[in-house]
Each structure stands twice: as structure tokens, then as C-alpha cells.
Amino acid sequence: AYQAAGCAEATISTQLWNYRVQRAWCALGFGP
């Protein structure tokens, strides 16, 4: 939805210890 709206960049955050969520992000191309 963000890409369709023309957003070229996204920022996301969570608790440092929330590895499960961070793994989902990496699978979708996010990097720390």
C-alpha cells in the first residue's frame, strides 16, 4: 500500500529483544 502511494522509504521499530518481529522484517527486505 505504501509503495502504491509513492512512498520510496519506510522506517519501522520495535523493542531490541523482539527477534521474532525482526526476522519477519528481514524476510521482507528491511535491514537494521
PDB file of all heavy atoms in Angstrom:
ATOM      1  N   ALA A   1       0.829  -1.206   0.000  1.00  0.00           N
ATOM      2  CA  ALA A   1       0.000   0.000   0.000  1.00  0.00           C
ATOM      3  C   ALA A   1       0.865   1.258   0.000  1.00  0.00           C
ATOM      4  O   ALA A   1       0.564   2.226  -0.725  1.00  0.00           O
ATOM      5  CB  ALA A   1      -0.936  -0.007   1.207  1.00  0.00           C
ATOM      6  N   TYR A   2       1.928   1.248   0.785  1.00  0.00           N
ATOM      7  CA  TYR A   2       2.830   2.403   0.819  1.00  0.00           C
ATOM      8  C   TYR A   2       3.514   2.611  -0.525  1.00  0.00           C
ATOM      9  O   TYR A   2       3.641   3.730  -1.007  1.00  0.00           O
ATOM     10  CB  TYR A   2       3.882   2.252   1.920  1.00  0.00           C
ATOM     11  CG  TYR A   2       3.315   2.241   3.316  1.00  0.00           C
ATOM     12  CD1 TYR A   2       3.877   1.434   4.302  1.00  0.00           C
ATOM     13  CD2 TYR A   2       2.220   3.017   3.660  1.00  0.00           C
ATOM     14  CE1 TYR A   2       3.361   1.414   5.591  1.00  0.00           C
ATOM     15  CE2 TYR A   2       1.702   3.002   4.946  1.00  0.00           C
ATOM     16  CZ  TYR A   2       2.275   2.197   5.900  1.00  0.00           C
ATOM     17  OH  TYR A   2       1.768   2.174   7.167  1.00  0.00           O
ATOM     18  N   GLN A   3       3.963   1.518  -1.144  1.00  0.00           N
ATOM     19  CA  GLN A   3       4.612   1.623  -2.452  1.00  0.00           C
ATOM     20  C   GLN A   3       3.630   2.154  -3.497  1.00  0.00           C
ATOM     21  O   GLN A   3       3.993   2.996  -4.317  1.00  0.00           O
ATOM     22  CB  GLN A   3       5.178   0.272  -2.876  1.00  0.00           C
ATOM     23  CG  GLN A   3       6.400  -0.124  -2.082  1.00  0.00           C
ATOM     24  CD  GLN A   3       6.885  -1.530  -2.403  1.00  0.00           C
ATOM     25  OE1 GLN A   3       6.139  -2.354  -2.930  1.00  0.00           O
ATOM     26  NE2 GLN A   3       8.135  -1.805  -2.058  1.00  0.00           N
ATOM     27  N   ALA A   4       2.400   1.687  -3.469  1.00  0.00           N
ATOM     28  CA  ALA A   4       1.381   2.148  -4.408  1.00  0.00           C
ATOM     29  C   ALA A   4       1.083   3.633  -4.217  1.00  0.00           C
ATOM     30  O   ALA A   4       0.713   4.325  -5.172  1.00  0.00           O
ATOM     31  CB  ALA A   4       0.107   1.327  -4.241  1.00  0.00           C
ATOM     32  N   ALA A   5       1.264   4.118  -2.994  1.00  0.00           N
ATOM     33  CA  ALA A   5       1.031   5.533  -2.692  1.00  0.00           C
ATOM     34  C   ALA A   5       2.255   6.387  -3.018  1.00  0.00           C
ATOM     35  O   ALA A   5       2.224   7.603  -2.832  1.00  0.00           O
ATOM     36  CB  ALA A   5       0.657   5.702  -1.224  1.00  0.00           C
ATOM     37  N   GLY A   6       3.326   5.764  -3.491  1.00  0.00           N
ATOM     38  CA  GLY A   6       4.509   6.506  -3.896  1.00  0.00           C
ATOM     39  C   GLY A   6       5.588   6.641  -2.840  1.00  0.00           C
ATOM     40  O   GLY A   6       6.558   7.376  -3.040  1.00  0.00           O
ATOM     41  N   CYS A   7       5.463   5.949  -1.735  1.00  0.00           N
ATOM     42  CA  CYS A   7       6.494   6.008  -0.695  1.00  0.00           C
ATOM     43  C   CYS A   7       7.701   5.195  -1.139  1.00  0.00           C
ATOM     44  O   CYS A   7       7.574   4.043  -1.537  1.00  0.00           O
ATOM     45  CB  CYS A   7       5.966   5.456   0.624  1.00  0.00           C
ATOM     46  SG  CYS A   7       4.670   6.451   1.351  1.00  0.00           S
ATOM     47  N   ALA A   8       8.866   5.803  -1.077  1.00  0.00           N
ATOM     48  CA  ALA A   8      10.090   5.136  -1.501  1.00  0.00           C
ATOM     49  C   ALA A   8      10.881   4.563  -0.333  1.00  0.00           C
ATOM     50  O   ALA A   8      11.802   3.778  -0.531  1.00  0.00           O
ATOM     51  CB  ALA A   8      10.964   6.121  -2.274  1.00  0.00           C
ATOM     52  N   GLU A   9      10.512   4.941   0.883  1.00  0.00           N
ATOM     53  CA  GLU A   9      11.289   4.530   2.059  1.00  0.00           C
ATOM     54  C   GLU A   9      10.350   4.335   3.236  1.00  0.00           C
ATOM     55  O   GLU A   9       9.357   5.043   3.375  1.00  0.00           O
ATOM     56  CB  GLU A   9      12.301   5.624   2.374  1.00  0.00           C
ATOM     57  CG  GLU A   9      13.268   5.284   3.451  1.00  0.00           C
ATOM     58  CD  GLU A   9      14.307   6.382   3.621  1.00  0.00           C
ATOM     59  OE1 GLU A   9      14.977   6.714   2.627  1.00  0.00           O
ATOM     60  OE2 GLU A   9      14.416   6.905   4.747  1.00  0.00           O
ATOM     61  N   ALA A  10      10.675   3.377   4.082  1.00  0.00           N
ATOM     62  CA  ALA A  10       9.872   3.124   5.282  1.00  0.00           C
ATOM     63  C   ALA A  10      10.800   2.912   6.469  1.00  0.00           C
ATOM     64  O   ALA A  10      11.898   2.388   6.326  1.00  0.00           O
ATOM     65  CB  ALA A  10       8.985   1.906   5.096  1.00  0.00           C
ATOM     66  N   THR A  11      10.348   3.316   7.626  1.00  0.00           N
ATOM     67  CA  THR A  11      11.070   3.110   8.874  1.00  0.00           C
ATOM     68  C   THR A  11      10.144   2.372   9.822  1.00  0.00           C
ATOM     69  O   THR A  11       8.956   2.669   9.897  1.00  0.00           O
ATOM     70  CB  THR A  11      11.477   4.460   9.499  1.00  0.00           C
ATOM     71  OG1 THR A  11      12.269   5.170   8.555  1.00  0.00           O
ATOM     72  CG2 THR A  11      12.253   4.258  10.773  1.00  0.00           C
ATOM     73  N   ILE A  12      10.696   1.418  10.541  1.00  0.00           N
ATOM     74  CA  ILE A  12       9.896   0.614  11.460  1.00  0.00           C
ATOM     75  C   ILE A  12      10.717   0.375  12.723  1.00  0.00           C
ATOM     76  O   ILE A  12      11.946   0.397  12.674  1.00  0.00           O
ATOM     77  CB  ILE A  12       9.476  -0.710  10.772  1.00  0.00           C
ATOM     78  CG1 ILE A  12       8.377  -1.414  11.541  1.00  0.00           C
ATOM     79  CG2 ILE A  12      10.664  -1.598  10.511  1.00  0.00           C
ATOM     80  CD1 ILE A  12       7.689  -2.493  10.736  1.00  0.00           C
ATOM     81  N   SER A  13      10.062   0.164  13.839  1.00  0.00           N
ATOM     82  CA  SER A  13      10.811  -0.059  15.080  1.00  0.00           C
ATOM     83  C   SER A  13      10.071  -1.027  15.992  1.00  0.00           C
ATOM     84  O   SER A  13       8.870  -1.243  15.871  1.00  0.00           O
ATOM     85  CB  SER A  13      11.035   1.273  15.804  1.00  0.00           C
ATOM     86  OG  SER A  13       9.806   1.809  16.226  1.00  0.00           O
ATOM     87  N   THR A  14      10.834  -1.605  16.905  1.00  0.00           N
ATOM     88  CA  THR A  14      10.297  -2.495  17.927  1.00  0.00           C
ATOM     89  C   THR A  14      11.286  -2.535  19.083  1.00  0.00           C
ATOM     90  O   THR A  14      12.333  -1.890  19.038  1.00  0.00           O
ATOM     91  CB  THR A  14      10.047  -3.920  17.383  1.00  0.00           C
ATOM     92  OG1 THR A  14       9.308  -4.667  18.352  1.00  0.00           O
ATOM     93  CG2 THR A  14      11.340  -4.638  17.074  1.00  0.00           C
ATOM     94  N   GLN A  15      10.966  -3.306  20.093  1.00  0.00           N
ATOM     95  CA  GLN A  15      11.891  -3.474  21.200  1.00  0.00           C
ATOM     96  C   GLN A  15      13.115  -4.240  20.710  1.00  0.00           C
ATOM     97  O   GLN A  15      13.022  -5.116  19.851  1.00  0.00           O
ATOM     98  CB  GLN A  15      11.232  -4.241  22.353  1.00  0.00           C
ATOM     99  CG  GLN A  15      10.130  -3.499  23.036  1.00  0.00           C
ATOM    100  CD  GLN A  15       8.784  -3.716  22.364  1.00  0.00           C
ATOM    101  OE1 GLN A  15       8.651  -4.469  21.409  1.00  0.00           O
ATOM    102  NE2 GLN A  15       7.772  -3.035  22.855  1.00  0.00           N
ATOM    103  N   LEU A  16      14.255  -3.919  21.281  1.00  0.00           N
ATOM    104  CA  LEU A  16      15.525  -4.516  20.888  1.00  0.00           C
ATOM    105  C   LEU A  16      15.501  -6.038  20.972  1.00  0.00           C
ATOM    106  O   LEU A  16      16.070  -6.728  20.136  1.00  0.00           O
ATOM    107  CB  LEU A  16      16.640  -3.950  21.780  1.00  0.00           C
ATOM    108  CG  LEU A  16      18.061  -4.344  21.474  1.00  0.00           C
ATOM    109  CD1 LEU A  16      18.454  -3.863  20.082  1.00  0.00           C
ATOM    110  CD2 LEU A  16      19.002  -3.755  22.512  1.00  0.00           C
ATOM    111  N   TRP A  17      14.799  -6.575  21.938  1.00  0.00           N
ATOM    112  CA  TRP A  17      14.773  -8.018  22.179  1.00  0.00           C
ATOM    113  C   TRP A  17      13.728  -8.761  21.348  1.00  0.00           C
ATOM    114  O   TRP A  17      13.625  -9.980  21.419  1.00  0.00           O
ATOM    115  CB  TRP A  17      14.513  -8.295  23.652  1.00  0.00           C
ATOM    116  CG  TRP A  17      13.353  -7.518  24.190  1.00  0.00           C
ATOM    117  CD1 TRP A  17      13.426  -6.336  24.877  1.00  0.00           C
ATOM    118  CD2 TRP A  17      11.968  -7.819  24.065  1.00  0.00           C
ATOM    119  NE1 TRP A  17      12.159  -5.891  25.181  1.00  0.00           N
ATOM    120  CE2 TRP A  17      11.238  -6.790  24.685  1.00  0.00           C
ATOM    121  CE3 TRP A  17      11.261  -8.853  23.479  1.00  0.00           C
ATOM    122  CZ2 TRP A  17       9.860  -6.760  24.743  1.00  0.00           C
ATOM    123  CZ3 TRP A  17       9.873  -8.836  23.528  1.00  0.00           C
ATOM    124  CH2 TRP A  17       9.192  -7.797  24.161  1.00  0.00           C
ATOM    125  N   ASN A  18      12.949  -8.068  20.519  1.00  0.00           N
ATOM    126  CA  ASN A  18      11.851  -8.693  19.775  1.00  0.00           C
ATOM    127  C   ASN A  18      12.374  -9.310  18.472  1.00  0.00           C
ATOM    128  O   ASN A  18      12.110  -8.842  17.378  1.00  0.00           O
ATOM    129  CB  ASN A  18      10.756  -7.671  19.501  1.00  0.00           C
ATOM    130  CG  ASN A  18       9.456  -8.311  19.101  1.00  0.00           C
ATOM    131  OD1 ASN A  18       9.416  -9.486  18.765  1.00  0.00           O
ATOM    132  ND2 ASN A  18       8.388  -7.536  19.119  1.00  0.00           N
ATOM    133  N   TYR A  19      13.093 -10.402  18.603  1.00  0.00           N
ATOM    134  CA  TYR A  19      13.758 -11.033  17.467  1.00  0.00           C
ATOM    135  C   TYR A  19      12.780 -11.627  16.460  1.00  0.00           C
ATOM    136  O   TYR A  19      13.045 -11.627  15.267  1.00  0.00           O
ATOM    137  CB  TYR A  19      14.724 -12.124  17.939  1.00  0.00           C
ATOM    138  CG  TYR A  19      15.757 -11.614  18.906  1.00  0.00           C
ATOM    139  CD1 TYR A  19      15.819 -12.085  20.201  1.00  0.00           C
ATOM    140  CD2 TYR A  19      16.675 -10.643  18.509  1.00  0.00           C
ATOM    141  CE1 TYR A  19      16.776 -11.612  21.089  1.00  0.00           C
ATOM    142  CE2 TYR A  19      17.630 -10.163  19.396  1.00  0.00           C
ATOM    143  CZ  TYR A  19      17.667 -10.653  20.674  1.00  0.00           C
ATOM    144  OH  TYR A  19      18.600 -10.169  21.539  1.00  0.00           O
ATOM    145  N   ARG A  20      11.678 -12.124  16.921  1.00  0.00           N
ATOM    146  CA  ARG A  20      10.695 -12.737  16.010  1.00  0.00           C
ATOM    147  C   ARG A  20      10.207 -11.723  14.975  1.00  0.00           C
ATOM    148  O   ARG A  20      10.127 -12.009  13.788  1.00  0.00           O
ATOM    149  CB  ARG A  20       9.539 -13.286  16.828  1.00  0.00           C
ATOM    150  CG  ARG A  20       8.637 -14.198  16.089  1.00  0.00           C
ATOM    151  CD  ARG A  20       7.646 -14.807  17.057  1.00  0.00           C
ATOM    152  NE  ARG A  20       6.965 -15.917  16.436  1.00  0.00           N
ATOM    153  CZ  ARG A  20       6.115 -16.678  17.063  1.00  0.00           C
ATOM    154  NH1 ARG A  20       5.836 -16.464  18.332  1.00  0.00           N
ATOM    155  NH2 ARG A  20       5.514 -17.667  16.438  1.00  0.00           N
ATOM    156  N   VAL A  21       9.888 -10.528  15.440  1.00  0.00           N
ATOM    157  CA  VAL A  21       9.444  -9.465  14.544  1.00  0.00           C
ATOM    158  C   VAL A  21      10.586  -9.035  13.627  1.00  0.00           C
ATOM    159  O   VAL A  21      10.388  -8.829  12.422  1.00  0.00           O
ATOM    160  CB  VAL A  21       8.892  -8.273  15.361  1.00  0.00           C
ATOM    161  CG1 VAL A  21       8.759  -7.033  14.519  1.00  0.00           C
ATOM    162  CG2 VAL A  21       7.560  -8.648  15.984  1.00  0.00           C
ATOM    163  N   GLN A  22      11.778  -8.925  14.170  1.00  0.00           N
ATOM    164  CA  GLN A  22      12.927  -8.525  13.358  1.00  0.00           C
ATOM    165  C   GLN A  22      13.209  -9.537  12.250  1.00  0.00           C
ATOM    166  O   GLN A  22      13.589  -9.166  11.135  1.00  0.00           O
ATOM    167  CB  GLN A  22      14.151  -8.322  14.243  1.00  0.00           C
ATOM    168  CG  GLN A  22      13.993  -7.134  15.180  1.00  0.00           C
ATOM    169  CD  GLN A  22      15.119  -7.023  16.171  1.00  0.00           C
ATOM    170  OE1 GLN A  22      16.268  -7.282  15.835  1.00  0.00           O
ATOM    171  NE2 GLN A  22      14.802  -6.658  17.404  1.00  0.00           N
ATOM    172  N   ARG A  23      13.006 -10.826  12.521  1.00  0.00           N
ATOM    173  CA  ARG A  23      13.180 -11.844  11.475  1.00  0.00           C
ATOM    174  C   ARG A  23      12.158 -11.659  10.365  1.00  0.00           C
ATOM    175  O   ARG A  23      12.485 -11.815   9.182  1.00  0.00           O
ATOM    176  CB  ARG A  23      13.081 -13.247  12.073  1.00  0.00           C
ATOM    177  CG  ARG A  23      14.349 -13.674  12.782  1.00  0.00           C
ATOM    178  CD  ARG A  23      14.355 -15.164  13.114  1.00  0.00           C
ATOM    179  NE  ARG A  23      13.301 -15.545  14.049  1.00  0.00           N
ATOM    180  CZ  ARG A  23      13.433 -15.537  15.371  1.00  0.00           C
ATOM    181  NH1 ARG A  23      14.577 -15.164  15.915  1.00  0.00           N
ATOM    182  NH2 ARG A  23      12.441 -15.907  16.141  1.00  0.00           N
ATOM    183  N   ALA A  24      10.921 -11.315  10.716  1.00  0.00           N
ATOM    184  CA  ALA A  24       9.893 -11.057   9.698  1.00  0.00           C
ATOM    185  C   ALA A  24      10.301  -9.865   8.843  1.00  0.00           C
ATOM    186  O   ALA A  24      10.130  -9.884   7.620  1.00  0.00           O
ATOM    187  CB  ALA A  24       8.537 -10.816  10.368  1.00  0.00           C
ATOM    188  N   TRP A  25      10.844  -8.843   9.462  1.00  0.00           N
ATOM    189  CA  TRP A  25      11.285  -7.671   8.699  1.00  0.00           C
ATOM    190  C   TRP A  25      12.377  -8.042   7.707  1.00  0.00           C
ATOM    191  O   TRP A  25      12.339  -7.639   6.551  1.00  0.00           O
ATOM    192  CB  TRP A  25      11.836  -6.604   9.619  1.00  0.00           C
ATOM    193  CG  TRP A  25      10.875  -6.017  10.580  1.00  0.00           C
ATOM    194  CD1 TRP A  25       9.509  -6.161  10.610  1.00  0.00           C
ATOM    195  CD2 TRP A  25      11.197  -5.181  11.679  1.00  0.00           C
ATOM    196  NE1 TRP A  25       8.978  -5.472  11.653  1.00  0.00           N
ATOM    197  CE2 TRP A  25       9.998  -4.859  12.324  1.00  0.00           C
ATOM    198  CE3 TRP A  25      12.390  -4.684  12.172  1.00  0.00           C
ATOM    199  CZ2 TRP A  25       9.960  -4.032  13.444  1.00  0.00           C
ATOM    200  CZ3 TRP A  25      12.339  -3.870  13.288  1.00  0.00           C
ATOM    201  CH2 TRP A  25      11.137  -3.556  13.909  1.00  0.00           C
ATOM    202  N   CYS A  26      13.368  -8.780   8.169  1.00  0.00           N
ATOM    203  CA  CYS A  26      14.481  -9.165   7.289  1.00  0.00           C
ATOM    204  C   CYS A  26      13.982  -9.992   6.111  1.00  0.00           C
ATOM    205  O   CYS A  26      14.482  -9.840   4.994  1.00  0.00           O
ATOM    206  CB  CYS A  26      15.541  -9.928   8.068  1.00  0.00           C
ATOM    207  SG  CYS A  26      16.441  -8.883   9.241  1.00  0.00           S
ATOM    208  N   ALA A  27      13.001 -10.852   6.338  1.00  0.00           N
ATOM    209  CA  ALA A  27      12.441 -11.668   5.261  1.00  0.00           C
ATOM    210  C   ALA A  27      11.777 -10.800   4.190  1.00  0.00           C
ATOM    211  O   ALA A  27      11.665 -11.209   3.046  1.00  0.00           O
ATOM    212  CB  ALA A  27      11.430 -12.664   5.827  1.00  0.00           C
ATOM    213  N   LEU A  28      11.352  -9.593   4.568  1.00  0.00           N
ATOM    214  CA  LEU A  28      10.692  -8.683   3.630  1.00  0.00           C
ATOM    215  C   LEU A  28      11.630  -7.597   3.119  1.00  0.00           C
ATOM    216  O   LEU A  28      11.194  -6.669   2.447  1.00  0.00           O
ATOM    217  CB  LEU A  28       9.468  -8.058   4.297  1.00  0.00           C
ATOM    218  CG  LEU A  28       8.340  -9.048   4.577  1.00  0.00           C
ATOM    219  CD1 LEU A  28       7.253  -8.403   5.424  1.00  0.00           C
ATOM    220  CD2 LEU A  28       7.757  -9.584   3.285  1.00  0.00           C
ATOM    221  N   GLY A  29      12.910  -7.703   3.453  1.00  0.00           N
ATOM    222  CA  GLY A  29      13.884  -6.777   2.893  1.00  0.00           C
ATOM    223  C   GLY A  29      14.295  -5.619   3.775  1.00  0.00           C
ATOM    224  O   GLY A  29      15.112  -4.798   3.365  1.00  0.00           O
ATOM    225  N   PHE A  30      13.761  -5.522   4.978  1.00  0.00           N
ATOM    226  CA  PHE A  30      14.203  -4.473   5.892  1.00  0.00           C
ATOM    227  C   PHE A  30      15.565  -4.846   6.453  1.00  0.00           C
ATOM    228  O   PHE A  30      15.881  -6.028   6.588  1.00  0.00           O
ATOM    229  CB  PHE A  30      13.229  -4.296   7.063  1.00  0.00           C
ATOM    230  CG  PHE A  30      12.005  -3.501   6.746  1.00  0.00           C
ATOM    231  CD1 PHE A  30      10.847  -4.125   6.323  1.00  0.00           C
ATOM    232  CD2 PHE A  30      12.008  -2.122   6.873  1.00  0.00           C
ATOM    233  CE1 PHE A  30       9.715  -3.392   6.035  1.00  0.00           C
ATOM    234  CE2 PHE A  30      10.885  -1.384   6.578  1.00  0.00           C
ATOM    235  CZ  PHE A  30       9.731  -2.023   6.161  1.00  0.00           C
ATOM    236  N   GLY A  31      16.341  -3.847   6.799  1.00  0.00           N
ATOM    237  CA  GLY A  31      17.631  -4.081   7.430  1.00  0.00           C
ATOM    238  C   GLY A  31      17.794  -3.138   8.600  1.00  0.00           C
ATOM    239  O   GLY A  31      17.230  -2.045   8.610  1.00  0.00           O
ATOM    240  N   PRO A  32      18.553  -3.540   9.608  1.00  0.00           N
ATOM    241  CA  PRO A  32      18.727  -2.687  10.784  1.00  0.00           C
ATOM    242  C   PRO A  32      19.559  -1.440  10.476  1.00  0.00           C
ATOM    243  O   PRO A  32      20.531  -1.502   9.737  1.00  0.00           O
ATOM    244  CB  PRO A  32      19.448  -3.592  11.778  1.00  0.00           C
ATOM    245  CG  PRO A  32      20.117  -4.617  10.941  1.00  0.00           C
ATOM    246  CD  PRO A  32      19.264  -4.798   9.722  1.00  0.00           C
TER     247      PRO A  32
END
